[in-house]
Each structure stands twice: as C-alpha cells, then as structure tokens.
Amino acid sequence: MPRALRADAQANYDRLLEVSAQLFAQEGADTSLKAIAAAAGVGIGTLYRRFPTREDLIEATYRSRTDLLCDSAAALLQEAAPLDATRAWMERFVDYMLTKQGMADALPAILATREGLRLHSREALANAVTELLDAGTAAGQFRADLSPSDVLMALGGITLISGHEHQRELATRLIDLLLDGLAARD
C-alpha cells in the first residue's frame, strides 16, 4: 500500500493533475511536460517523480477526472433537486469528455494496456448516472424505465456532435432535449 504524501506533495500532485487536464483539453496529449510542470508551479523533476512517463500522467489525469466527475453526482444531489443535479452533472460530463478528447491519441493504448482502467471508468460512470436517475425517479421527475447505459450513450453522442461542430453551447441545448426525454409524464 503506497504511503500517504505530505500535504505539500499532495498539493503538487493535485495541481499537476488539474493543470494537465486543462492543457490536454486545450493542446492535446502531446503538450509539453515542461509546460505542464511550469503551469502547475513545480519543477520538471517533481512531475517525473510522480509520473515517470507521459502515459503515467495521462492515465492519472484520466482516472482523476473520471473519479471527480463520478463523485460529484452525490454532492450535486445534496445541493439541488435531482433534475437540476442531473443537468449540472451532464454539463460536467461534457467538459470531462472534452478533456478526454484532448488525450484521444494516447488514451486507447493506455486503456488497452492498463488493466482494469476501462472497466473502472465504465462502472464509475454507470454508478453515477444510476444514482442521479434513481433520485430523479424517486422524486417523480424522471421516467421509471430509464437505462443508465442509454443515457450515457446519448451523452456521448451529444459530446461528439458538439465537439465536432466546435460548439460547446450546442451541448447545453442538446442536454436540455435529453432531459426532456427523461422527464416523467403525467
């Protein structure tokens, strides 16, 4: 079991993951590791100490973004009604997918070689959507016949379409249409 990092080392680690997510989304997976370290306010040695290879950094970034997104479902449900929490989560999902698309060239090989990473992501996303849908159904806001995998497929389509068109606002409009389709009918 890896030992816990000191507070300053953990802050550096977290900042590296945050900055790498931003730069991968903007510039792609080939963005300079020196630029990531500099933007995070750490030396390149600190980056390499935590992430010996570019693939290690991409995997950690992907895993952390997935976990942050999935963990946010419960927090959003604490703050808002299920419909509003689901809308907010779907917006976060689109942003997550934009970061993932920035890593698109490198991610397939990483997912193929890092055992359990793809399964972990799929299960975590399905669990988050299930939590949101169950809360919405219990509140009478969503239909009872919804499939989390169908919702994730629809969200994936929304992300692909809006990303291809380079129109982030299109994703929001399509999310509204999707939510209308999830709504309980009287």
Protein backbone atom coordinates (compact mmCIF):
# COMPACT_ATOMS: atom_id res chain seq x y z
CA MET A 1 0.00 0.00 0.00
CA PRO A 2 1.53 3.32 -1.03
CA ARG A 3 2.21 5.68 1.80
CA ALA A 4 0.35 8.96 2.02
CA LEU A 5 2.01 12.04 0.58
CA ARG A 6 2.97 15.03 2.70
CA ALA A 7 0.46 17.88 2.41
CA ASP A 8 2.71 19.93 0.09
CA ALA A 9 3.48 16.91 -2.08
CA GLN A 10 -0.22 16.06 -2.31
CA ALA A 11 -0.98 19.67 -3.30
CA ASN A 12 1.67 19.46 -6.04
CA TYR A 13 0.25 16.14 -7.24
CA ASP A 14 -3.30 17.52 -7.35
CA ARG A 15 -2.16 20.70 -9.11
CA LEU A 16 -0.28 18.67 -11.73
CA LEU A 17 -3.43 16.66 -12.47
CA GLU A 18 -5.59 19.79 -12.67
CA VAL A 19 -3.18 21.59 -15.00
CA SER A 20 -2.59 18.53 -17.16
CA ALA A 21 -6.34 18.11 -17.63
CA GLN A 22 -6.63 21.72 -18.76
CA LEU A 23 -3.64 21.59 -21.10
CA PHE A 24 -4.54 18.19 -22.56
CA ALA A 25 -8.01 19.55 -23.33
CA GLN A 26 -6.58 22.66 -24.97
CA GLU A 27 -3.47 21.34 -26.69
CA GLY A 28 -3.79 17.56 -26.84
CA ALA A 29 -1.82 14.72 -25.30
CA ASP A 30 1.45 15.88 -26.89
CA THR A 31 1.53 19.08 -24.86
CA SER A 32 4.92 19.76 -23.35
CA LEU A 33 5.51 18.15 -19.97
CA LYS A 34 7.76 21.11 -19.11
CA ALA A 35 4.80 23.42 -19.83
CA ILE A 36 2.57 21.34 -17.55
CA ALA A 37 5.12 21.45 -14.74
CA ALA A 38 5.64 25.20 -15.17
CA ALA A 39 1.91 25.93 -15.24
CA ALA A 40 1.50 23.84 -12.07
CA GLY A 41 4.28 25.80 -10.40
CA VAL A 42 6.59 22.82 -9.91
CA GLY A 43 9.85 21.69 -11.42
CA ILE A 44 10.02 19.06 -14.14
CA GLY A 45 11.71 16.74 -11.63
CA THR A 46 8.61 16.85 -9.43
CA LEU A 47 6.45 15.89 -12.41
CA TYR A 48 8.73 12.97 -13.36
CA ARG A 49 8.97 11.81 -9.74
CA ARG A 50 5.19 11.36 -9.64
CA PHE A 51 4.68 10.43 -13.30
CA PRO A 52 7.76 8.73 -14.79
CA THR A 53 6.21 8.60 -18.27
CA ARG A 54 3.76 10.68 -20.28
CA GLU A 55 1.44 7.66 -20.25
CA ASP A 56 1.50 7.59 -16.44
CA LEU A 57 0.45 11.25 -16.37
CA ILE A 58 -2.30 10.70 -18.94
CA GLU A 59 -3.62 7.69 -17.03
CA ALA A 60 -3.59 9.54 -13.71
CA THR A 61 -5.28 12.56 -15.30
CA TYR A 62 -7.94 10.39 -16.92
CA ARG A 63 -8.54 8.44 -13.71
CA SER A 64 -8.72 11.58 -11.55
CA ARG A 65 -11.10 13.36 -13.96
CA THR A 66 -13.33 10.27 -14.05
CA ASP A 67 -13.37 9.99 -10.26
CA LEU A 68 -14.04 13.71 -9.77
CA LEU A 69 -16.93 13.60 -12.22
CA CYS A 70 -18.47 10.48 -10.73
CA ASP A 71 -18.04 11.64 -7.14
CA SER A 72 -19.76 14.91 -7.99
CA ALA A 73 -23.13 13.16 -8.56
CA ALA A 74 -23.73 12.65 -4.83
CA ALA A 75 -22.58 16.17 -3.99
CA LEU A 76 -24.84 17.70 -6.63
CA LEU A 77 -27.81 15.74 -5.29
CA GLN A 78 -27.11 17.19 -1.83
CA GLU A 79 -27.21 20.72 -3.27
CA ALA A 80 -30.09 20.58 -5.75
CA ALA A 81 -33.21 18.76 -6.84
CA PRO A 82 -32.49 15.66 -8.94
CA LEU A 83 -33.35 17.33 -12.26
CA ASP A 84 -31.04 20.27 -11.60
CA ALA A 85 -28.33 17.99 -10.20
CA THR A 86 -28.55 15.80 -13.30
CA ARG A 87 -28.34 18.82 -15.62
CA ALA A 88 -25.25 20.09 -13.77
CA TRP A 89 -23.68 16.62 -13.86
CA MET A 90 -24.34 16.30 -17.59
CA GLU A 91 -22.62 19.65 -18.20
CA ARG A 92 -19.64 18.36 -16.22
CA PHE A 93 -19.72 15.16 -18.28
CA VAL A 94 -19.38 17.19 -21.49
CA ASP A 95 -16.38 19.04 -20.04
CA TYR A 96 -14.90 15.72 -18.92
CA MET A 97 -15.28 14.33 -22.42
CA LEU A 98 -13.60 17.41 -23.91
CA THR A 99 -10.60 16.74 -21.66
CA LYS A 100 -10.70 13.09 -22.67
CA GLN A 101 -10.78 14.07 -26.36
CA GLY A 102 -7.60 16.07 -25.78
CA MET A 103 -5.97 12.79 -24.78
CA ALA A 104 -7.64 10.83 -27.60
CA ASP A 105 -4.46 9.95 -29.47
CA ALA A 106 -2.79 8.40 -26.44
CA LEU A 107 -5.75 7.08 -24.45
CA PRO A 108 -6.67 3.96 -26.49
CA ALA A 109 -3.23 2.42 -26.00
CA ILE A 110 -3.28 3.30 -22.31
CA LEU A 111 -6.75 1.84 -21.83
CA ALA A 112 -5.65 -1.33 -23.61
CA THR A 113 -2.51 -1.82 -21.52
CA ARG A 114 -3.57 -0.61 -18.06
CA GLU A 115 -5.59 -3.46 -16.63
CA GLY A 116 -8.97 -2.50 -15.24
CA LEU A 117 -8.86 1.17 -16.22
CA ARG A 118 -11.58 0.95 -18.87
CA LEU A 119 -13.80 -1.19 -16.63
CA HIS A 120 -13.26 1.16 -13.68
CA SER A 121 -14.34 4.15 -15.78
CA ARG A 122 -17.42 2.44 -17.21
CA GLU A 123 -18.58 1.20 -13.81
CA ALA A 124 -17.98 4.54 -12.10
CA LEU A 125 -19.89 6.45 -14.80
CA ALA A 126 -22.75 3.94 -14.77
CA ASN A 127 -22.97 4.15 -10.97
CA ALA A 128 -23.07 7.96 -11.05
CA VAL A 129 -25.81 8.04 -13.69
CA THR A 130 -27.77 5.35 -11.82
CA GLU A 131 -27.60 7.44 -8.64
CA LEU A 132 -28.90 10.51 -10.48
CA LEU A 133 -31.65 8.63 -12.30
CA ASP A 134 -32.78 6.81 -9.16
CA ALA A 135 -33.03 10.10 -7.27
CA GLY A 136 -34.96 11.68 -10.14
CA THR A 137 -37.33 8.72 -10.40
CA ALA A 138 -37.93 8.70 -6.64
CA ALA A 139 -38.73 12.42 -6.80
CA GLY A 140 -41.17 11.85 -9.66
CA GLN A 141 -39.05 13.90 -12.06
CA PHE A 142 -37.78 11.05 -14.29
CA ARG A 143 -39.43 8.11 -16.00
CA ALA A 144 -39.01 4.75 -14.28
CA ASP A 145 -37.90 2.89 -17.41
CA LEU A 146 -34.59 4.66 -17.98
CA SER A 147 -31.37 2.81 -18.66
CA PRO A 148 -28.15 4.38 -17.37
CA SER A 149 -26.24 2.95 -20.34
CA ASP A 150 -28.71 4.58 -22.76
CA VAL A 151 -28.29 7.92 -21.01
CA LEU A 152 -24.50 7.61 -21.18
CA MET A 153 -24.69 6.72 -24.87
CA ALA A 154 -26.87 9.77 -25.51
CA LEU A 155 -24.43 11.97 -23.60
CA GLY A 156 -21.55 10.53 -25.58
CA GLY A 157 -23.38 11.39 -28.78
CA ILE A 158 -24.04 14.92 -27.58
CA THR A 159 -20.35 15.34 -26.81
CA LEU A 160 -19.25 14.00 -30.18
CA ILE A 161 -21.65 16.21 -32.10
CA SER A 162 -20.91 19.40 -30.19
CA GLY A 163 -17.16 18.68 -30.21
CA HIS A 164 -17.15 18.03 -33.94
CA GLU A 165 -19.04 21.27 -34.51
CA HIS A 166 -16.79 23.12 -32.01
CA GLN A 167 -19.91 24.46 -30.32
CA ARG A 168 -19.91 23.93 -26.56
CA GLU A 169 -23.26 25.77 -26.28
CA LEU A 170 -24.78 23.17 -28.62
CA ALA A 171 -24.10 20.55 -25.95
CA THR A 172 -26.17 22.52 -23.43
CA ARG A 173 -29.09 22.74 -25.83
CA LEU A 174 -28.89 19.02 -26.56
CA ILE A 175 -28.70 18.23 -22.84
CA ASP A 176 -31.97 20.12 -22.41
CA LEU A 177 -33.53 17.93 -25.12
CA LEU A 178 -32.20 14.79 -23.47
CA LEU A 179 -33.55 15.85 -20.09
CA ASP A 180 -36.94 16.47 -21.67
CA GLY A 181 -36.86 12.89 -22.90
CA LEU A 182 -36.06 11.63 -19.39
CA ALA A 183 -38.91 13.55 -17.79
CA ALA A 184 -41.79 11.73 -16.14
CA ARG A 185 -45.07 12.21 -17.98
CA ASP A 186 -48.40 12.61 -16.25
